[in-house]
Amino acid sequence: MAQMTAHRPRDLETRRERLRSTLPVLVAVALLVAVAVGGMLALHGLLDTGVWLLSDM
């Protein structure tokens, strides 16, 4: 006997679960990249200020 299955709700549920697991990872990676870029810019500014102070002496 052939069994009828509803593929639509299961596919939607799978997509929702995948989105629930993927979205936090993407947000975490984006925040990590933002912190790294911010740290690099801050370090660049700090080193630039240090070189400026040392060259003034």
C-alpha atoms as a PDB file:
ATOM      1  CA  MET A   1       0.000   0.000   0.000  1.00  0.00           C
ATOM      2  CA  ALA A   2       1.151   3.454  -0.813  1.00  0.00           C
ATOM      3  CA  GLN A   3       1.494   5.798   2.080  1.00  0.00           C
ATOM      4  CA  MET A   4       0.752   9.463   1.592  1.00  0.00           C
ATOM      5  CA  THR A   5       3.059  11.874   3.315  1.00  0.00           C
ATOM      6  CA  ALA A   6       2.931  15.616   3.597  1.00  0.00           C
ATOM      7  CA  HIS A   7       6.377  16.861   2.615  1.00  0.00           C
ATOM      8  CA  ARG A   8       5.585  20.544   2.901  1.00  0.00           C
ATOM      9  CA  PRO A   9       5.314  20.972   6.687  1.00  0.00           C
ATOM     10  CA  ARG A  10       8.356  18.806   7.289  1.00  0.00           C
ATOM     11  CA  ASP A  11      10.399  20.855   4.825  1.00  0.00           C
ATOM     12  CA  LEU A  12       9.290  24.067   6.501  1.00  0.00           C
ATOM     13  CA  GLU A  13      10.171  22.657   9.902  1.00  0.00           C
ATOM     14  CA  THR A  14      13.604  21.605   8.643  1.00  0.00           C
ATOM     15  CA  ARG A  15      14.222  25.068   7.203  1.00  0.00           C
ATOM     16  CA  ARG A  16      13.168  26.717  10.456  1.00  0.00           C
ATOM     17  CA  GLU A  17      15.472  24.474  12.482  1.00  0.00           C
ATOM     18  CA  ARG A  18      18.350  25.119  10.099  1.00  0.00           C
ATOM     19  CA  LEU A  19      17.740  28.872  10.317  1.00  0.00           C
ATOM     20  CA  ARG A  20      17.589  28.675  14.113  1.00  0.00           C
ATOM     21  CA  SER A  21      20.966  26.968  14.209  1.00  0.00           C
ATOM     22  CA  THR A  22      22.645  28.998  11.454  1.00  0.00           C
ATOM     23  CA  LEU A  23      21.558  32.505  12.381  1.00  0.00           C
ATOM     24  CA  PRO A  24      23.277  32.635  15.802  1.00  0.00           C
ATOM     25  CA  VAL A  25      26.496  31.347  14.238  1.00  0.00           C
ATOM     26  CA  LEU A  26      26.406  34.045  11.565  1.00  0.00           C
ATOM     27  CA  VAL A  27      25.757  36.733  14.177  1.00  0.00           C
ATOM     28  CA  ALA A  28      28.618  35.434  16.338  1.00  0.00           C
ATOM     29  CA  VAL A  29      31.038  35.401  13.397  1.00  0.00           C
ATOM     30  CA  ALA A  30      29.986  38.916  12.359  1.00  0.00           C
ATOM     31  CA  LEU A  31      30.525  40.197  15.913  1.00  0.00           C
ATOM     32  CA  LEU A  32      33.905  38.482  16.095  1.00  0.00           C
ATOM     33  CA  VAL A  33      34.989  40.096  12.829  1.00  0.00           C
ATOM     34  CA  ALA A  34      33.729  43.491  14.029  1.00  0.00           C
ATOM     35  CA  VAL A  35      35.671  43.178  17.290  1.00  0.00           C
ATOM     36  CA  ALA A  36      38.810  42.113  15.416  1.00  0.00           C
ATOM     37  CA  VAL A  37      38.566  45.044  12.998  1.00  0.00           C
ATOM     38  CA  GLY A  38      37.887  47.448  15.868  1.00  0.00           C
ATOM     39  CA  GLY A  39      40.867  46.083  17.771  1.00  0.00           C
ATOM     40  CA  MET A  40      43.110  46.445  14.757  1.00  0.00           C
ATOM     41  CA  LEU A  41      42.001  50.043  14.251  1.00  0.00           C
ATOM     42  CA  ALA A  42      42.518  50.829  17.938  1.00  0.00           C
ATOM     43  CA  LEU A  43      45.961  49.214  17.883  1.00  0.00           C
ATOM     44  CA  HIS A  44      46.865  51.152  14.753  1.00  0.00           C
ATOM     45  CA  GLY A  45      45.815  54.402  16.405  1.00  0.00           C
ATOM     46  CA  LEU A  46      47.691  53.535  19.586  1.00  0.00           C
ATOM     47  CA  LEU A  47      50.866  52.672  17.690  1.00  0.00           C
ATOM     48  CA  ASP A  48      50.531  55.795  15.562  1.00  0.00           C
ATOM     49  CA  THR A  49      50.196  57.926  18.704  1.00  0.00           C
ATOM     50  CA  GLY A  50      53.185  56.177  20.290  1.00  0.00           C
ATOM     51  CA  VAL A  51      55.355  56.793  17.238  1.00  0.00           C
ATOM     52  CA  TRP A  52      54.224  60.425  17.194  1.00  0.00           C
ATOM     53  CA  LEU A  53      55.092  60.865  20.890  1.00  0.00           C
ATOM     54  CA  LEU A  54      58.485  59.203  20.457  1.00  0.00           C
ATOM     55  CA  SER A  55      59.333  61.305  17.415  1.00  0.00           C
ATOM     56  CA  ASP A  56      58.484  64.485  19.355  1.00  0.00           C
ATOM     57  CA  MET A  57      61.116  63.771  22.020  1.00  0.00           C
END
